[in-house]
């Protein structure tokens, strides 16, 4: 059940099939008020695709919300494609979408990988960014990626043992490599089983440290059919990005944050997020002197948790009304 306090779901008033280089076609939606404050929403993953939920944090009377399915994700085509699909391609696509829709500047909102892409976009095109709202920011370092797939912090040992049992004993030291190879090469039934194992492990971690750690949530039905096939494509893209640390680690993104525009910047992060480490949010905040960091308790990595959803709505309402995220001294 989604938390109360979100704005009602409403269909987009315009959709686009935007052709970009190398035979990719982006699915783009516009919702809310065509004359409102322009905001772009960057989904997570990589590879997850947009959801109507992401628009529900915005007051539809005050925002024009642009949702983009990134290359290979959601309803963009070809779904699951990894060829000509790198972070640099996504940054070029953001520029193309903005120019195509006639948007000089926009509020950039992203969660998890979407928050990472938002930072990279702001570094690449500072003049295009009016403000940044970053939920559960992810730093694609080798250490953070390894902590997820190998459970190096021992967050849920029994659940990780079930997850790792998908791989031969000799390959369990490199679960990401094993999954990436299998998602590209295994038969159809095999890739579905790999995707399910990954999904169960991710669900276990997403609930936060205060929840039981041995099983995924019983209230969420396991994906099947077309939903499961979409999950396979999502993880195919995600493993492709994570194998290369999202092409943001050789010149670490943290070291480039000095180029960010001095615009209102708010980070929201749960203290018990076991997918995107809270230390990452603190590190980003430390590199952005004008940023605000708001800690949320008990939300884990769940954007629909009432505490996180309320914080998102309050921040966006404040920006719509005041031009900042609740701090009058913000730039």
C-alpha atoms as a PDB file:
ATOM      1  CA  UNK A   1       0.000   0.000   0.000  1.00  0.00           C
ATOM      2  CA  UNK A   2       1.371   3.400  -0.946  1.00  0.00           C
ATOM      3  CA  UNK A   3       1.579   6.049   1.769  1.00  0.00           C
ATOM      4  CA  UNK A   4      -1.030   8.746   2.067  1.00  0.00           C
ATOM      5  CA  UNK A   5       0.189  12.272   1.436  1.00  0.00           C
ATOM      6  CA  UNK A   6       1.214  11.650  -2.156  1.00  0.00           C
ATOM      7  CA  UNK A   7      -0.596  13.600  -4.830  1.00  0.00           C
ATOM      8  CA  UNK A   8      -3.237  11.682  -6.813  1.00  0.00           C
ATOM      9  CA  UNK A   9      -2.103   9.677  -9.780  1.00  0.00           C
ATOM     10  CA  UNK A  10      -2.792  11.394 -13.083  1.00  0.00           C
ATOM     11  CA  UNK A  11      -2.002  10.338 -16.648  1.00  0.00           C
ATOM     12  CA  UNK A  12       0.584  12.245 -18.676  1.00  0.00           C
ATOM     13  CA  UNK A  13      -0.807  14.882 -20.982  1.00  0.00           C
ATOM     14  CA  UNK A  14       1.838  14.283 -23.640  1.00  0.00           C
ATOM     15  CA  UNK A  15       4.197  11.439 -24.566  1.00  0.00           C
ATOM     16  CA  UNK A  16       7.149  11.355 -26.933  1.00  0.00           C
ATOM     17  CA  UNK A  17       9.093   8.660 -28.756  1.00  0.00           C
ATOM     18  CA  UNK A  18      12.369  10.505 -29.145  1.00  0.00           C
ATOM     19  CA  UNK A  19      14.885   8.983 -31.549  1.00  0.00           C
ATOM     20  CA  UNK A  20      18.464   9.314 -30.370  1.00  0.00           C
ATOM     21  CA  UNK A  21      21.706   8.020 -31.947  1.00  0.00           C
ATOM     22  CA  UNK A  22      22.484   4.338 -32.463  1.00  0.00           C
ATOM     23  CA  UNK A  23      18.872   3.253 -32.974  1.00  0.00           C
ATOM     24  CA  UNK A  24      17.660   3.940 -29.445  1.00  0.00           C
ATOM     25  CA  UNK A  25      14.190   5.459 -28.974  1.00  0.00           C
ATOM     26  CA  UNK A  26      13.430   7.144 -25.642  1.00  0.00           C
ATOM     27  CA  UNK A  27       9.987   7.065 -24.055  1.00  0.00           C
ATOM     28  CA  UNK A  28       9.324  10.494 -22.528  1.00  0.00           C
ATOM     29  CA  UNK A  29       6.214  11.642 -20.663  1.00  0.00           C
ATOM     30  CA  UNK A  30       5.037  15.076 -19.552  1.00  0.00           C
ATOM     31  CA  UNK A  31       2.572  15.416 -16.704  1.00  0.00           C
ATOM     32  CA  UNK A  32       1.189  18.024 -14.342  1.00  0.00           C
ATOM     33  CA  UNK A  33       0.731  21.649 -15.390  1.00  0.00           C
ATOM     34  CA  UNK A  34       2.170  22.566 -18.827  1.00  0.00           C
ATOM     35  CA  UNK A  35       2.821  26.086 -17.482  1.00  0.00           C
ATOM     36  CA  UNK A  36       4.271  24.917 -14.162  1.00  0.00           C
ATOM     37  CA  UNK A  37       7.808  24.718 -12.794  1.00  0.00           C
ATOM     38  CA  UNK A  38       9.730  22.369 -15.047  1.00  0.00           C
ATOM     39  CA  UNK A  39      11.174  19.298 -13.328  1.00  0.00           C
ATOM     40  CA  UNK A  40      12.832  16.203 -14.761  1.00  0.00           C
ATOM     41  CA  UNK A  41      12.642  12.898 -12.866  1.00  0.00           C
ATOM     42  CA  UNK A  42      15.527  10.449 -13.237  1.00  0.00           C
ATOM     43  CA  UNK A  43      14.706   6.855 -12.349  1.00  0.00           C
ATOM     44  CA  UNK A  44      16.992   4.400 -10.623  1.00  0.00           C
ATOM     45  CA  UNK A  45      18.561   1.133 -11.567  1.00  0.00           C
ATOM     46  CA  UNK A  46      20.242   1.691 -13.940  1.00  0.00           C
ATOM     47  CA  UNK A  47      17.606   0.076 -16.109  1.00  0.00           C
ATOM     48  CA  UNK A  48      14.529   0.336 -13.880  1.00  0.00           C
ATOM     49  CA  UNK A  49      12.399   2.665 -15.995  1.00  0.00           C
ATOM     50  CA  UNK A  50      10.034   5.392 -14.841  1.00  0.00           C
ATOM     51  CA  UNK A  51       6.867   4.814 -12.843  1.00  0.00           C
ATOM     52  CA  UNK A  52       3.682   6.880 -12.371  1.00  0.00           C
ATOM     53  CA  UNK A  53       4.631   6.881  -8.673  1.00  0.00           C
ATOM     54  CA  UNK A  54       7.514   9.252  -9.374  1.00  0.00           C
ATOM     55  CA  UNK A  55       5.080  11.970 -10.506  1.00  0.00           C
ATOM     56  CA  UNK A  56       3.007  11.657  -7.341  1.00  0.00           C
ATOM     57  CA  UNK A  57       5.588  13.485  -5.226  1.00  0.00           C
ATOM     58  CA  UNK A  58       4.845  16.639  -7.269  1.00  0.00           C
ATOM     59  CA  UNK A  59       1.894  19.004  -6.936  1.00  0.00           C
ATOM     60  CA  UNK A  60       0.357  18.630 -10.433  1.00  0.00           C
ATOM     61  CA  UNK A  61      -1.015  22.166 -10.265  1.00  0.00           C
ATOM     62  CA  UNK A  62       2.448  23.682  -9.810  1.00  0.00           C
ATOM     63  CA  UNK A  63       4.859  21.410 -11.690  1.00  0.00           C
ATOM     64  CA  UNK A  64       5.433  20.326 -15.257  1.00  0.00           C
ATOM     65  CA  UNK A  65       6.997  16.904 -14.698  1.00  0.00           C
ATOM     66  CA  UNK A  66       9.127  15.273 -17.399  1.00  0.00           C
ATOM     67  CA  UNK A  67       9.762  11.552 -16.949  1.00  0.00           C
ATOM     68  CA  UNK A  68      12.357   9.815 -19.114  1.00  0.00           C
ATOM     69  CA  UNK A  69      12.903   6.096 -19.555  1.00  0.00           C
ATOM     70  CA  UNK A  70      16.676   5.894 -20.002  1.00  0.00           C
ATOM     71  CA  UNK A  71      18.273   3.837 -22.775  1.00  0.00           C
ATOM     72  CA  UNK A  72      17.304   0.192 -22.555  1.00  0.00           C
ATOM     73  CA  UNK A  73      14.833   0.842 -19.710  1.00  0.00           C
ATOM     74  CA  UNK A  74      11.076   0.892 -19.285  1.00  0.00           C
ATOM     75  CA  UNK A  75       9.275   1.652 -22.522  1.00  0.00           C
ATOM     76  CA  UNK A  76      12.349   2.931 -24.330  1.00  0.00           C
ATOM     77  CA  UNK A  77      13.494   0.720 -27.175  1.00  0.00           C
ATOM     78  CA  UNK A  78      15.213  -1.634 -27.575  1.00  0.00           C
ATOM     79  CA  UNK A  79      14.501  -2.673 -23.994  1.00  0.00           C
ATOM     80  CA  UNK A  80      17.427  -4.304 -22.246  1.00  0.00           C
ATOM     81  CA  UNK A  81      19.945  -3.133 -24.858  1.00  0.00           C
ATOM     82  CA  UNK A  82      23.486  -2.532 -23.614  1.00  0.00           C
ATOM     83  CA  UNK A  83      25.143  -1.533 -26.891  1.00  0.00           C
ATOM     84  CA  UNK A  84      25.770   2.231 -27.075  1.00  0.00           C
ATOM     85  CA  UNK A  85      24.398   2.492 -23.547  1.00  0.00           C
ATOM     86  CA  UNK A  86      26.799   4.240 -21.180  1.00  0.00           C
ATOM     87  CA  UNK A  87      26.525   7.143 -18.776  1.00  0.00           C
ATOM     88  CA  UNK A  88      27.887   9.529 -21.420  1.00  0.00           C
ATOM     89  CA  UNK A  89      25.046   8.460 -23.735  1.00  0.00           C
ATOM     90  CA  UNK A  90      22.469   9.167 -21.016  1.00  0.00           C
ATOM     91  CA  UNK A  91      23.941  12.628 -20.432  1.00  0.00           C
ATOM     92  CA  UNK A  92      23.732  13.372 -24.153  1.00  0.00           C
ATOM     93  CA  UNK A  93      20.126  12.144 -24.122  1.00  0.00           C
ATOM     94  CA  UNK A  94      19.215  14.532 -21.294  1.00  0.00           C
ATOM     95  CA  UNK A  95      20.516  17.433 -23.358  1.00  0.00           C
ATOM     96  CA  UNK A  96      18.521  16.257 -26.372  1.00  0.00           C
ATOM     97  CA  UNK A  97      15.304  15.910 -24.373  1.00  0.00           C
ATOM     98  CA  UNK A  98      15.738  19.348 -22.854  1.00  0.00           C
ATOM     99  CA  UNK A  99      16.369  20.945 -26.235  1.00  0.00           C
ATOM    100  CA  UNK A 100      13.545  19.026 -27.910  1.00  0.00           C
ATOM    101  CA  UNK A 101      11.054  20.187 -25.256  1.00  0.00           C
ATOM    102  CA  UNK A 102      12.335  23.760 -25.179  1.00  0.00           C
ATOM    103  CA  UNK A 103      13.474  23.702 -21.540  1.00  0.00           C
ATOM    104  CA  UNK A 104      16.339  26.090 -20.710  1.00  0.00           C
ATOM    105  CA  UNK A 105      16.625  24.989 -17.045  1.00  0.00           C
ATOM    106  CA  UNK A 106      14.926  22.397 -14.882  1.00  0.00           C
ATOM    107  CA  UNK A 107      14.726  21.131 -11.350  1.00  0.00           C
ATOM    108  CA  UNK A 108      16.445  17.725 -11.394  1.00  0.00           C
ATOM    109  CA  UNK A 109      15.015  15.035  -9.105  1.00  0.00           C
ATOM    110  CA  UNK A 110      16.559  11.592  -8.847  1.00  0.00           C
ATOM    111  CA  UNK A 111      16.614   8.601  -6.549  1.00  0.00           C
ATOM    112  CA  UNK A 112      19.370   6.021  -6.094  1.00  0.00           C
ATOM    113  CA  UNK A 113      21.091   5.704  -9.511  1.00  0.00           C
ATOM    114  CA  UNK A 114      18.845   8.585 -10.628  1.00  0.00           C
ATOM    115  CA  UNK A 115      20.470  10.797  -7.970  1.00  0.00           C
ATOM    116  CA  UNK A 116      23.902   9.796  -9.267  1.00  0.00           C
ATOM    117  CA  UNK A 117      22.899  10.616 -12.840  1.00  0.00           C
ATOM    118  CA  UNK A 118      21.465  13.931 -11.618  1.00  0.00           C
ATOM    119  CA  UNK A 119      24.848  14.873 -10.153  1.00  0.00           C
ATOM    120  CA  UNK A 120      26.677  13.842 -13.318  1.00  0.00           C
ATOM    121  CA  UNK A 121      24.199  15.881 -15.385  1.00  0.00           C
ATOM    122  CA  UNK A 122      24.698  18.937 -13.184  1.00  0.00           C
ATOM    123  CA  UNK A 123      28.478  18.623 -13.531  1.00  0.00           C
ATOM    124  CA  UNK A 124      28.139  18.238 -17.308  1.00  0.00           C
ATOM    125  CA  UNK A 125      25.575  21.005 -17.881  1.00  0.00           C
ATOM    126  CA  UNK A 126      25.512  23.299 -14.847  1.00  0.00           C
ATOM    127  CA  UNK A 127      23.679  26.008 -16.759  1.00  0.00           C
ATOM    128  CA  UNK A 128      20.705  23.653 -17.267  1.00  0.00           C
ATOM    129  CA  UNK A 129      20.100  22.896 -13.588  1.00  0.00           C
ATOM    130  CA  UNK A 130      17.874  25.104 -11.426  1.00  0.00           C
ATOM    131  CA  UNK A 131      17.986  22.875  -8.330  1.00  0.00           C
ATOM    132  CA  UNK A 132      18.800  19.305  -7.232  1.00  0.00           C
ATOM    133  CA  UNK A 133      16.721  16.965  -5.068  1.00  0.00           C
ATOM    134  CA  UNK A 134      18.640  13.730  -4.479  1.00  0.00           C
ATOM    135  CA  UNK A 135      17.122  10.734  -2.678  1.00  0.00           C
ATOM    136  CA  UNK A 136      19.372   7.872  -1.552  1.00  0.00           C
ATOM    137  CA  UNK A 137      22.370   8.908  -3.631  1.00  0.00           C
ATOM    138  CA  UNK A 138      24.558   6.075  -4.910  1.00  0.00           C
ATOM    139  CA  UNK A 139      28.324   6.260  -5.375  1.00  0.00           C
ATOM    140  CA  UNK A 140      29.372   3.658  -8.000  1.00  0.00           C
ATOM    141  CA  UNK A 141      32.679   2.720  -6.421  1.00  0.00           C
ATOM    142  CA  UNK A 142      34.087  -0.790  -6.467  1.00  0.00           C
ATOM    143  CA  UNK A 143      33.701  -0.951  -2.684  1.00  0.00           C
ATOM    144  CA  UNK A 144      30.012  -0.018  -2.647  1.00  0.00           C
ATOM    145  CA  UNK A 145      29.131  -2.351  -5.525  1.00  0.00           C
ATOM    146  CA  UNK A 146      31.037  -5.213  -3.916  1.00  0.00           C
ATOM    147  CA  UNK A 147      29.284  -4.566  -0.598  1.00  0.00           C
ATOM    148  CA  UNK A 148      25.923  -5.141  -2.282  1.00  0.00           C
ATOM    149  CA  UNK A 149      26.702  -8.316  -4.211  1.00  0.00           C
ATOM    150  CA  UNK A 150      29.025  -9.979  -1.703  1.00  0.00           C
ATOM    151  CA  UNK A 151      27.282  -8.761   1.480  1.00  0.00           C
ATOM    152  CA  UNK A 152      30.690  -7.839   2.826  1.00  0.00           C
ATOM    153  CA  UNK A 153      29.062  -6.096   5.802  1.00  0.00           C
ATOM    154  CA  UNK A 154      27.123  -9.204   6.856  1.00  0.00           C
ATOM    155  CA  UNK A 155      23.710  -7.517   6.741  1.00  0.00           C
ATOM    156  CA  UNK A 156      21.692 -10.650   5.938  1.00  0.00           C
ATOM    157  CA  UNK A 157      23.934 -13.719   5.850  1.00  0.00           C
ATOM    158  CA  UNK A 158      21.165 -16.325   5.467  1.00  0.00           C
ATOM    159  CA  UNK A 159      19.498 -14.429   2.631  1.00  0.00           C
ATOM    160  CA  UNK A 160      22.844 -13.852   0.921  1.00  0.00           C
ATOM    161  CA  UNK A 161      23.629 -17.578   1.135  1.00  0.00           C
ATOM    162  CA  UNK A 162      20.400 -18.330  -0.759  1.00  0.00           C
ATOM    163  CA  UNK A 163      21.225 -15.616  -3.292  1.00  0.00           C
ATOM    164  CA  UNK A 164      24.766 -16.924  -3.788  1.00  0.00           C
ATOM    165  CA  UNK A 165      23.589 -20.515  -4.138  1.00  0.00           C
ATOM    166  CA  UNK A 166      22.574 -19.660  -7.715  1.00  0.00           C
ATOM    167  CA  UNK A 167      26.285 -19.618  -8.603  1.00  0.00           C
ATOM    168  CA  UNK A 168      28.769 -22.492  -8.581  1.00  0.00           C
ATOM    169  CA  UNK A 169      30.912 -22.436  -5.442  1.00  0.00           C
ATOM    170  CA  UNK A 170      33.951 -21.299  -7.427  1.00  0.00           C
ATOM    171  CA  UNK A 171      32.144 -18.200  -8.728  1.00  0.00           C
ATOM    172  CA  UNK A 172      30.458 -16.946  -5.555  1.00  0.00           C
ATOM    173  CA  UNK A 173      33.311 -14.541  -4.879  1.00  0.00           C
ATOM    174  CA  UNK A 174      32.138 -12.551  -7.941  1.00  0.00           C
ATOM    175  CA  UNK A 175      28.338 -12.576  -7.955  1.00  0.00           C
ATOM    176  CA  UNK A 176      28.088  -9.516 -10.197  1.00  0.00           C
ATOM    177  CA  UNK A 177      30.287 -11.110 -12.872  1.00  0.00           C
ATOM    178  CA  UNK A 178      28.383 -14.390 -12.627  1.00  0.00           C
ATOM    179  CA  UNK A 179      25.006 -12.636 -12.965  1.00  0.00           C
ATOM    180  CA  UNK A 180      26.158 -10.385 -15.813  1.00  0.00           C
ATOM    181  CA  UNK A 181      27.404 -13.352 -17.844  1.00  0.00           C
ATOM    182  CA  UNK A 182      24.300 -15.406 -17.130  1.00  0.00           C
ATOM    183  CA  UNK A 183      21.869 -12.608 -18.014  1.00  0.00           C
ATOM    184  CA  UNK A 184      23.556 -12.289 -21.409  1.00  0.00           C
ATOM    185  CA  UNK A 185      24.108 -15.963 -22.203  1.00  0.00           C
ATOM    186  CA  UNK A 186      21.822 -18.293 -20.225  1.00  0.00           C
ATOM    187  CA  UNK A 187      18.653 -19.843 -21.719  1.00  0.00           C
ATOM    188  CA  UNK A 188      15.365 -18.015 -21.112  1.00  0.00           C
ATOM    189  CA  UNK A 189      14.393 -20.052 -18.043  1.00  0.00           C
ATOM    190  CA  UNK A 190      17.880 -19.627 -16.633  1.00  0.00           C
ATOM    191  CA  UNK A 191      17.911 -15.845 -16.938  1.00  0.00           C
ATOM    192  CA  UNK A 192      14.504 -15.637 -15.240  1.00  0.00           C
ATOM    193  CA  UNK A 193      15.819 -17.621 -12.274  1.00  0.00           C
ATOM    194  CA  UNK A 194      18.858 -15.348 -12.041  1.00  0.00           C
ATOM    195  CA  UNK A 195      16.651 -12.258 -12.120  1.00  0.00           C
ATOM    196  CA  UNK A 196      14.388 -13.663  -9.406  1.00  0.00           C
ATOM    197  CA  UNK A 197      17.350 -14.435  -7.165  1.00  0.00           C
ATOM    198  CA  UNK A 198      18.700 -10.895  -7.621  1.00  0.00           C
ATOM    199  CA  UNK A 199      15.226  -9.410  -6.979  1.00  0.00           C
ATOM    200  CA  UNK A 200      14.756 -11.405  -3.753  1.00  0.00           C
ATOM    201  CA  UNK A 201      18.145 -10.285  -2.438  1.00  0.00           C
ATOM    202  CA  UNK A 202      17.438  -6.676  -3.359  1.00  0.00           C
ATOM    203  CA  UNK A 203      14.035  -6.791  -1.658  1.00  0.00           C
ATOM    204  CA  UNK A 204      15.618  -8.147   1.515  1.00  0.00           C
ATOM    205  CA  UNK A 205      18.050  -5.232   1.679  1.00  0.00           C
ATOM    206  CA  UNK A 206      15.560  -2.566   0.616  1.00  0.00           C
ATOM    207  CA  UNK A 207      13.531  -2.785   3.797  1.00  0.00           C
ATOM    208  CA  UNK A 208      16.227  -1.402   6.052  1.00  0.00           C
ATOM    209  CA  UNK A 209      18.035  -2.766   9.068  1.00  0.00           C
ATOM    210  CA  UNK A 210      14.997  -2.646  11.329  1.00  0.00           C
ATOM    211  CA  UNK A 211      13.118  -5.257   9.300  1.00  0.00           C
ATOM    212  CA  UNK A 212      13.564  -9.004   9.382  1.00  0.00           C
ATOM    213  CA  UNK A 213      16.551  -9.889   7.246  1.00  0.00           C
ATOM    214  CA  UNK A 214      15.984 -13.458   6.165  1.00  0.00           C
ATOM    215  CA  UNK A 215      13.165 -13.204   3.620  1.00  0.00           C
ATOM    216  CA  UNK A 216      11.835 -10.691   1.078  1.00  0.00           C
ATOM    217  CA  UNK A 217       8.617  -8.868   2.058  1.00  0.00           C
ATOM    218  CA  UNK A 218       5.637 -11.218   2.084  1.00  0.00           C
ATOM    219  CA  UNK A 219       3.297  -8.444   0.949  1.00  0.00           C
ATOM    220  CA  UNK A 220       5.006  -8.022  -2.436  1.00  0.00           C
ATOM    221  CA  UNK A 221       4.140 -10.622  -5.040  1.00  0.00           C
ATOM    222  CA  UNK A 222       7.059 -12.095  -6.908  1.00  0.00           C
ATOM    223  CA  UNK A 223       7.311 -10.966 -10.536  1.00  0.00           C
ATOM    224  CA  UNK A 224       6.173 -13.392 -13.204  1.00  0.00           C
ATOM    225  CA  UNK A 225       5.300 -13.426 -16.898  1.00  0.00           C
ATOM    226  CA  UNK A 226       5.909 -10.151 -18.699  1.00  0.00           C
ATOM    227  CA  UNK A 227       6.860  -8.454 -15.415  1.00  0.00           C
ATOM    228  CA  UNK A 228       9.613 -11.011 -14.898  1.00  0.00           C
ATOM    229  CA  UNK A 229      10.836 -10.620 -18.494  1.00  0.00           C
ATOM    230  CA  UNK A 230      11.049  -6.858 -17.923  1.00  0.00           C
ATOM    231  CA  UNK A 231      13.037  -7.552 -14.750  1.00  0.00           C
ATOM    232  CA  UNK A 232      15.510  -9.625 -16.767  1.00  0.00           C
ATOM    233  CA  UNK A 233      16.052  -6.682 -19.119  1.00  0.00           C
ATOM    234  CA  UNK A 234      16.393  -4.292 -16.193  1.00  0.00           C
ATOM    235  CA  UNK A 235      19.110  -6.379 -14.554  1.00  0.00           C
ATOM    236  CA  UNK A 236      20.844  -6.923 -17.884  1.00  0.00           C
ATOM    237  CA  UNK A 237      21.283  -3.153 -18.170  1.00  0.00           C
ATOM    238  CA  UNK A 238      22.104  -2.751 -14.496  1.00  0.00           C
ATOM    239  CA  UNK A 239      24.815  -5.411 -14.477  1.00  0.00           C
ATOM    240  CA  UNK A 240      26.327  -3.815 -17.604  1.00  0.00           C
ATOM    241  CA  UNK A 241      26.590  -0.479 -15.792  1.00  0.00           C
ATOM    242  CA  UNK A 242      27.796  -1.860 -12.482  1.00  0.00           C
ATOM    243  CA  UNK A 243      30.512  -3.972 -14.114  1.00  0.00           C
ATOM    244  CA  UNK A 244      31.967  -0.698 -15.376  1.00  0.00           C
ATOM    245  CA  UNK A 245      31.171   1.228 -12.166  1.00  0.00           C
ATOM    246  CA  UNK A 246      28.861   3.349 -14.303  1.00  0.00           C
ATOM    247  CA  UNK A 247      31.913   4.927 -15.993  1.00  0.00           C
ATOM    248  CA  UNK A 248      32.070   7.339 -13.048  1.00  0.00           C
ATOM    249  CA  UNK A 249      34.828   5.806 -10.933  1.00  0.00           C
ATOM    250  CA  UNK A 250      38.082   6.204 -12.874  1.00  0.00           C
ATOM    251  CA  UNK A 251      37.662   9.971 -12.500  1.00  0.00           C
ATOM    252  CA  UNK A 252      35.582   9.764  -9.312  1.00  0.00           C
ATOM    253  CA  UNK A 253      32.324  11.670  -9.367  1.00  0.00           C
ATOM    254  CA  UNK A 254      33.031  12.947  -5.855  1.00  0.00           C
ATOM    255  CA  UNK A 255      36.140  14.723  -7.104  1.00  0.00           C
ATOM    256  CA  UNK A 256      34.138  16.548  -9.770  1.00  0.00           C
ATOM    257  CA  UNK A 257      31.425  17.989  -7.546  1.00  0.00           C
ATOM    258  CA  UNK A 258      33.238  21.310  -7.227  1.00  0.00           C
ATOM    259  CA  UNK A 259      31.890  22.061 -10.736  1.00  0.00           C
ATOM    260  CA  UNK A 260      28.276  21.896  -9.549  1.00  0.00           C
ATOM    261  CA  UNK A 261      26.183  25.040  -9.922  1.00  0.00           C
ATOM    262  CA  UNK A 262      25.415  26.857  -6.681  1.00  0.00           C
ATOM    263  CA  UNK A 263      21.696  26.091  -6.709  1.00  0.00           C
ATOM    264  CA  UNK A 264      19.349  24.721  -4.007  1.00  0.00           C
ATOM    265  CA  UNK A 265      20.525  21.167  -3.331  1.00  0.00           C
ATOM    266  CA  UNK A 266      18.899  18.740  -0.899  1.00  0.00           C
ATOM    267  CA  UNK A 267      19.940  15.182  -0.127  1.00  0.00           C
ATOM    268  CA  UNK A 268      17.433  12.842   1.537  1.00  0.00           C
ATOM    269  CA  UNK A 269      18.829   9.578   2.867  1.00  0.00           C
ATOM    270  CA  UNK A 270      17.677   6.965   5.329  1.00  0.00           C
ATOM    271  CA  UNK A 271      20.123   6.114   8.084  1.00  0.00           C
ATOM    272  CA  UNK A 272      19.346   2.406   7.616  1.00  0.00           C
ATOM    273  CA  UNK A 273      19.617   2.258   3.811  1.00  0.00           C
ATOM    274  CA  UNK A 274      21.405  -1.044   3.131  1.00  0.00           C
ATOM    275  CA  UNK A 275      21.589  -0.643  -0.655  1.00  0.00           C
ATOM    276  CA  UNK A 276      23.057   2.868  -0.928  1.00  0.00           C
ATOM    277  CA  UNK A 277      25.317   3.439   2.065  1.00  0.00           C
ATOM    278  CA  UNK A 278      24.577   6.521   4.213  1.00  0.00           C
ATOM    279  CA  UNK A 279      28.307   7.294   4.155  1.00  0.00           C
ATOM    280  CA  UNK A 280      27.923   8.061   0.459  1.00  0.00           C
ATOM    281  CA  UNK A 281      25.331  10.744   1.134  1.00  0.00           C
ATOM    282  CA  UNK A 282      27.566  12.240   3.815  1.00  0.00           C
ATOM    283  CA  UNK A 283      30.527  12.247   1.420  1.00  0.00           C
ATOM    284  CA  UNK A 284      28.500  14.019  -1.280  1.00  0.00           C
ATOM    285  CA  UNK A 285      27.187  16.551   1.231  1.00  0.00           C
ATOM    286  CA  UNK A 286      30.730  17.250   2.439  1.00  0.00           C
ATOM    287  CA  UNK A 287      31.794  18.061  -1.135  1.00  0.00           C
ATOM    288  CA  UNK A 288      28.873  20.460  -1.792  1.00  0.00           C
ATOM    289  CA  UNK A 289      29.145  23.325   0.729  1.00  0.00           C
ATOM    290  CA  UNK A 290      25.742  24.794  -0.133  1.00  0.00           C
ATOM    291  CA  UNK A 291      23.862  21.482   0.108  1.00  0.00           C
ATOM    292  CA  UNK A 292      21.450  20.343   2.791  1.00  0.00           C
ATOM    293  CA  UNK A 293      21.408  16.752   4.076  1.00  0.00           C
ATOM    294  CA  UNK A 294      18.255  15.491   5.765  1.00  0.00           C
ATOM    295  CA  UNK A 295      18.420  12.114   7.482  1.00  0.00           C
ATOM    296  CA  UNK A 296      15.295   9.939   7.434  1.00  0.00           C
ATOM    297  CA  UNK A 297      14.819   7.208  10.029  1.00  0.00           C
ATOM    298  CA  UNK A 298      13.563   3.725   9.220  1.00  0.00           C
ATOM    299  CA  UNK A 299      12.889   4.119   5.486  1.00  0.00           C
ATOM    300  CA  UNK A 300      15.585   1.772   4.215  1.00  0.00           C
ATOM    301  CA  UNK A 301      15.847   2.132   0.444  1.00  0.00           C
ATOM    302  CA  UNK A 302      12.087   2.362  -0.063  1.00  0.00           C
ATOM    303  CA  UNK A 303      10.879   5.555  -1.815  1.00  0.00           C
ATOM    304  CA  UNK A 304       7.294   4.760  -0.761  1.00  0.00           C
ATOM    305  CA  UNK A 305       8.059   4.521   2.946  1.00  0.00           C
ATOM    306  CA  UNK A 306       5.815   7.144   4.641  1.00  0.00           C
ATOM    307  CA  UNK A 307       8.756   9.028   6.156  1.00  0.00           C
ATOM    308  CA  UNK A 308      10.649   9.248   2.862  1.00  0.00           C
ATOM    309  CA  UNK A 309       7.554  10.007   0.786  1.00  0.00           C
ATOM    310  CA  UNK A 310       6.555  12.781   3.201  1.00  0.00           C
ATOM    311  CA  UNK A 311      10.031  14.284   3.051  1.00  0.00           C
ATOM    312  CA  UNK A 312       9.982  14.256  -0.745  1.00  0.00           C
ATOM    313  CA  UNK A 313       6.559  15.901  -0.940  1.00  0.00           C
ATOM    314  CA  UNK A 314       7.475  18.530   1.669  1.00  0.00           C
ATOM    315  CA  UNK A 315      10.705  19.403  -0.154  1.00  0.00           C
ATOM    316  CA  UNK A 316       8.969  19.797  -3.510  1.00  0.00           C
ATOM    317  CA  UNK A 317       6.121  21.812  -2.002  1.00  0.00           C
ATOM    318  CA  UNK A 318       8.679  24.114  -0.382  1.00  0.00           C
ATOM    319  CA  UNK A 319      10.554  24.573  -3.648  1.00  0.00           C
ATOM    320  CA  UNK A 320       7.345  25.352  -5.535  1.00  0.00           C
ATOM    321  CA  UNK A 321       6.348  27.947  -2.964  1.00  0.00           C
ATOM    322  CA  UNK A 322       9.680  29.481  -1.958  1.00  0.00           C
ATOM    323  CA  UNK A 323      12.290  28.462  -4.537  1.00  0.00           C
ATOM    324  CA  UNK A 324      14.301  26.468  -1.980  1.00  0.00           C
ATOM    325  CA  UNK A 325      13.980  23.297   0.096  1.00  0.00           C
ATOM    326  CA  UNK A 326      13.023  24.785   3.435  1.00  0.00           C
ATOM    327  CA  UNK A 327      16.168  26.794   4.163  1.00  0.00           C
ATOM    328  CA  UNK A 328      15.825  30.486   3.474  1.00  0.00           C
ATOM    329  CA  UNK A 329      19.625  30.905   3.358  1.00  0.00           C
ATOM    330  CA  UNK A 330      20.002  28.425   0.512  1.00  0.00           C
ATOM    331  CA  UNK A 331      21.336  29.937  -2.753  1.00  0.00           C
END
